N, C-alpha and C. Protein backbone atom coordinates (compact mmCIF):
# COMPACT_ATOMS: atom_id res chain seq x y z
N MET A 1 3.29 13.19 -9.75
CA MET A 1 1.85 13.31 -9.77
C MET A 1 1.31 13.01 -8.38
N ARG A 2 0.40 13.81 -7.92
CA ARG A 2 -0.21 13.60 -6.60
C ARG A 2 -1.28 12.52 -6.69
N ILE A 3 -1.44 11.77 -5.61
CA ILE A 3 -2.40 10.68 -5.66
C ILE A 3 -3.84 11.15 -5.78
N ASP A 4 -4.12 12.41 -5.42
CA ASP A 4 -5.49 12.89 -5.53
C ASP A 4 -5.83 13.37 -6.94
N GLN A 5 -4.87 13.37 -7.85
CA GLN A 5 -5.14 13.81 -9.21
C GLN A 5 -5.73 12.70 -10.07
N VAL A 6 -5.41 11.46 -9.76
CA VAL A 6 -5.93 10.32 -10.50
C VAL A 6 -6.50 9.34 -9.48
N GLY A 7 -7.73 8.89 -9.72
CA GLY A 7 -8.34 7.94 -8.79
C GLY A 7 -7.52 6.67 -8.68
N PHE A 8 -7.48 6.10 -7.48
CA PHE A 8 -6.68 4.90 -7.24
C PHE A 8 -7.10 3.76 -8.16
N SER A 9 -8.39 3.64 -8.42
CA SER A 9 -8.87 2.55 -9.28
C SER A 9 -8.44 2.71 -10.73
N GLU A 10 -8.05 3.90 -11.12
CA GLU A 10 -7.65 4.16 -12.51
C GLU A 10 -6.14 4.04 -12.72
N ARG A 11 -5.40 3.78 -11.68
CA ARG A 11 -3.94 3.78 -11.78
C ARG A 11 -3.43 2.44 -12.29
N ASP A 12 -2.28 2.47 -12.96
CA ASP A 12 -1.65 1.29 -13.51
C ASP A 12 -1.09 0.40 -12.40
N GLU A 13 -1.22 -0.91 -12.54
CA GLU A 13 -0.75 -1.87 -11.54
C GLU A 13 0.72 -1.71 -11.18
N ASP A 14 1.55 -1.34 -12.15
CA ASP A 14 3.00 -1.24 -11.94
C ASP A 14 3.46 0.13 -11.47
N GLU A 15 2.53 1.06 -11.31
CA GLU A 15 2.91 2.40 -10.87
C GLU A 15 3.53 2.33 -9.48
N LEU A 16 4.63 3.03 -9.30
CA LEU A 16 5.33 3.04 -8.01
C LEU A 16 4.70 4.04 -7.06
N LEU A 17 4.67 3.66 -5.79
CA LEU A 17 4.14 4.51 -4.73
C LEU A 17 5.17 4.60 -3.61
N THR A 18 5.29 5.78 -3.03
CA THR A 18 6.16 5.94 -1.87
C THR A 18 5.42 5.46 -0.62
N LEU A 19 6.15 5.30 0.45
CA LEU A 19 5.56 4.91 1.72
C LEU A 19 4.49 5.91 2.15
N ILE A 20 4.74 7.19 1.95
CA ILE A 20 3.77 8.23 2.31
C ILE A 20 2.50 8.09 1.49
N GLU A 21 2.63 7.84 0.18
CA GLU A 21 1.45 7.67 -0.68
C GLU A 21 0.65 6.45 -0.26
N VAL A 22 1.33 5.35 0.06
CA VAL A 22 0.63 4.14 0.50
C VAL A 22 -0.12 4.43 1.80
N ALA A 23 0.52 5.14 2.72
CA ALA A 23 -0.14 5.49 3.98
C ALA A 23 -1.40 6.32 3.73
N GLU A 24 -1.33 7.26 2.80
CA GLU A 24 -2.50 8.08 2.47
C GLU A 24 -3.62 7.22 1.90
N ILE A 25 -3.27 6.31 1.01
CA ILE A 25 -4.28 5.44 0.38
C ILE A 25 -4.95 4.56 1.43
N LEU A 26 -4.15 3.97 2.33
CA LEU A 26 -4.69 3.06 3.33
C LEU A 26 -5.24 3.77 4.56
N LYS A 27 -5.04 5.09 4.61
CA LYS A 27 -5.52 5.89 5.74
C LYS A 27 -4.92 5.42 7.07
N VAL A 28 -3.61 5.16 7.04
CA VAL A 28 -2.84 4.83 8.24
C VAL A 28 -1.62 5.74 8.28
N SER A 29 -0.96 5.79 9.41
CA SER A 29 0.23 6.63 9.50
C SER A 29 1.42 5.93 8.85
N PRO A 30 2.39 6.70 8.38
CA PRO A 30 3.61 6.10 7.85
C PRO A 30 4.29 5.19 8.88
N ASN A 31 4.21 5.54 10.16
CA ASN A 31 4.81 4.69 11.19
C ASN A 31 4.12 3.34 11.29
N THR A 32 2.80 3.31 11.08
CA THR A 32 2.08 2.04 11.05
C THR A 32 2.59 1.19 9.90
N LEU A 33 2.78 1.79 8.74
CA LEU A 33 3.33 1.04 7.60
C LEU A 33 4.73 0.52 7.90
N ARG A 34 5.54 1.32 8.55
CA ARG A 34 6.89 0.88 8.91
C ARG A 34 6.82 -0.33 9.85
N TRP A 35 5.91 -0.28 10.80
CA TRP A 35 5.73 -1.40 11.72
C TRP A 35 5.27 -2.64 10.97
N TRP A 36 4.27 -2.49 10.10
CA TRP A 36 3.79 -3.62 9.31
C TRP A 36 4.93 -4.21 8.49
N ARG A 37 5.78 -3.33 7.95
CA ARG A 37 6.91 -3.79 7.13
C ARG A 37 7.85 -4.65 7.98
N GLN A 38 8.14 -4.21 9.20
CA GLN A 38 9.00 -4.99 10.09
C GLN A 38 8.37 -6.33 10.44
N GLN A 39 7.06 -6.37 10.57
CA GLN A 39 6.33 -7.58 10.94
C GLN A 39 5.95 -8.44 9.73
N HIS A 40 6.25 -7.95 8.53
CA HIS A 40 5.90 -8.65 7.27
C HIS A 40 4.39 -8.89 7.16
N THR A 41 3.61 -7.87 7.55
CA THR A 41 2.15 -8.01 7.50
C THR A 41 1.47 -7.01 6.58
N GLY A 42 2.17 -6.02 6.11
CA GLY A 42 1.57 -5.00 5.25
C GLY A 42 1.72 -5.33 3.78
N PRO A 43 1.45 -4.36 2.92
CA PRO A 43 1.65 -4.58 1.49
C PRO A 43 3.12 -4.82 1.19
N LYS A 44 3.39 -5.55 0.13
CA LYS A 44 4.77 -5.81 -0.27
C LYS A 44 5.47 -4.48 -0.55
N THR A 45 6.71 -4.39 -0.10
CA THR A 45 7.52 -3.20 -0.33
C THR A 45 8.91 -3.61 -0.77
N PHE A 46 9.64 -2.66 -1.31
CA PHE A 46 11.03 -2.90 -1.69
C PHE A 46 11.77 -1.57 -1.61
N ARG A 47 13.07 -1.67 -1.56
CA ARG A 47 13.90 -0.47 -1.51
C ARG A 47 14.32 -0.08 -2.91
N MET A 48 14.22 1.20 -3.19
CA MET A 48 14.75 1.78 -4.42
C MET A 48 15.69 2.88 -3.95
N GLY A 49 16.96 2.56 -3.91
CA GLY A 49 17.91 3.49 -3.30
C GLY A 49 17.62 3.57 -1.82
N ARG A 50 17.36 4.76 -1.34
CA ARG A 50 17.06 4.96 0.08
C ARG A 50 15.56 4.95 0.38
N ARG A 51 14.75 4.91 -0.66
CA ARG A 51 13.29 5.00 -0.48
C ARG A 51 12.65 3.62 -0.41
N VAL A 52 11.62 3.53 0.39
CA VAL A 52 10.80 2.32 0.45
C VAL A 52 9.61 2.55 -0.48
N MET A 53 9.43 1.61 -1.40
CA MET A 53 8.40 1.76 -2.42
C MET A 53 7.48 0.54 -2.43
N SER A 54 6.33 0.72 -3.04
CA SER A 54 5.39 -0.35 -3.30
C SER A 54 4.78 -0.08 -4.67
N THR A 55 3.99 -0.99 -5.17
CA THR A 55 3.29 -0.76 -6.42
C THR A 55 1.79 -0.68 -6.16
N VAL A 56 1.09 -0.06 -7.07
CA VAL A 56 -0.37 0.02 -6.97
C VAL A 56 -0.94 -1.40 -6.88
N GLY A 57 -0.43 -2.31 -7.69
CA GLY A 57 -0.91 -3.69 -7.67
C GLY A 57 -0.72 -4.36 -6.32
N ASP A 58 0.44 -4.15 -5.69
CA ASP A 58 0.68 -4.75 -4.38
C ASP A 58 -0.25 -4.17 -3.32
N VAL A 59 -0.52 -2.88 -3.40
CA VAL A 59 -1.44 -2.26 -2.44
C VAL A 59 -2.85 -2.80 -2.66
N ARG A 60 -3.26 -2.94 -3.91
CA ARG A 60 -4.59 -3.49 -4.20
C ARG A 60 -4.72 -4.92 -3.67
N ARG A 61 -3.68 -5.75 -3.89
CA ARG A 61 -3.72 -7.12 -3.40
C ARG A 61 -3.81 -7.16 -1.88
N PHE A 62 -3.07 -6.28 -1.20
CA PHE A 62 -3.13 -6.20 0.26
C PHE A 62 -4.54 -5.82 0.71
N MET A 63 -5.13 -4.82 0.07
CA MET A 63 -6.47 -4.38 0.44
C MET A 63 -7.49 -5.50 0.22
N ARG A 64 -7.37 -6.21 -0.90
CA ARG A 64 -8.28 -7.31 -1.21
C ARG A 64 -8.14 -8.42 -0.15
N ALA A 65 -6.91 -8.76 0.21
CA ALA A 65 -6.67 -9.80 1.21
C ALA A 65 -7.26 -9.40 2.56
N GLN A 66 -7.11 -8.14 2.93
CA GLN A 66 -7.67 -7.66 4.20
C GLN A 66 -9.19 -7.72 4.18
N ARG A 67 -9.76 -7.35 3.05
CA ARG A 67 -11.23 -7.39 2.92
C ARG A 67 -11.73 -8.83 3.03
N LEU A 68 -11.06 -9.76 2.35
CA LEU A 68 -11.48 -11.16 2.40
C LEU A 68 -11.27 -11.75 3.79
N ALA A 69 -10.19 -11.40 4.45
CA ALA A 69 -9.93 -11.88 5.82
C ALA A 69 -11.01 -11.37 6.77
N GLY A 70 -11.46 -10.16 6.57
CA GLY A 70 -12.51 -9.59 7.40
C GLY A 70 -13.84 -10.30 7.22
N ARG A 71 -14.12 -10.73 6.00
CA ARG A 71 -15.37 -11.46 5.72
C ARG A 71 -15.38 -12.81 6.40
N SER A 72 -14.23 -13.48 6.46
CA SER A 72 -14.19 -14.83 7.01
C SER A 72 -14.41 -14.84 8.52
N ARG A 73 -14.27 -13.70 9.16
CA ARG A 73 -14.46 -13.63 10.61
C ARG A 73 -15.92 -13.42 11.00
N HIS A 74 -16.76 -13.05 10.05
CA HIS A 74 -18.16 -12.72 10.39
C HIS A 74 -19.09 -13.82 9.97
């Protein structure tokens, strides 16, 4: 299923996302996500075979943390 077929807010917390899908959701390049992964600063990820995956819930938690961190600076 393509990410544009179902709104992100309507997706199940445990739904798996590929690195490319996460990049599309966060509007960053896949290379940025790879860098964040090396630095342990991006959304939680794990390997499933050869693929790097995340869950909708982990991406939501990352987005929420970034939003809250941004508020504390202003």
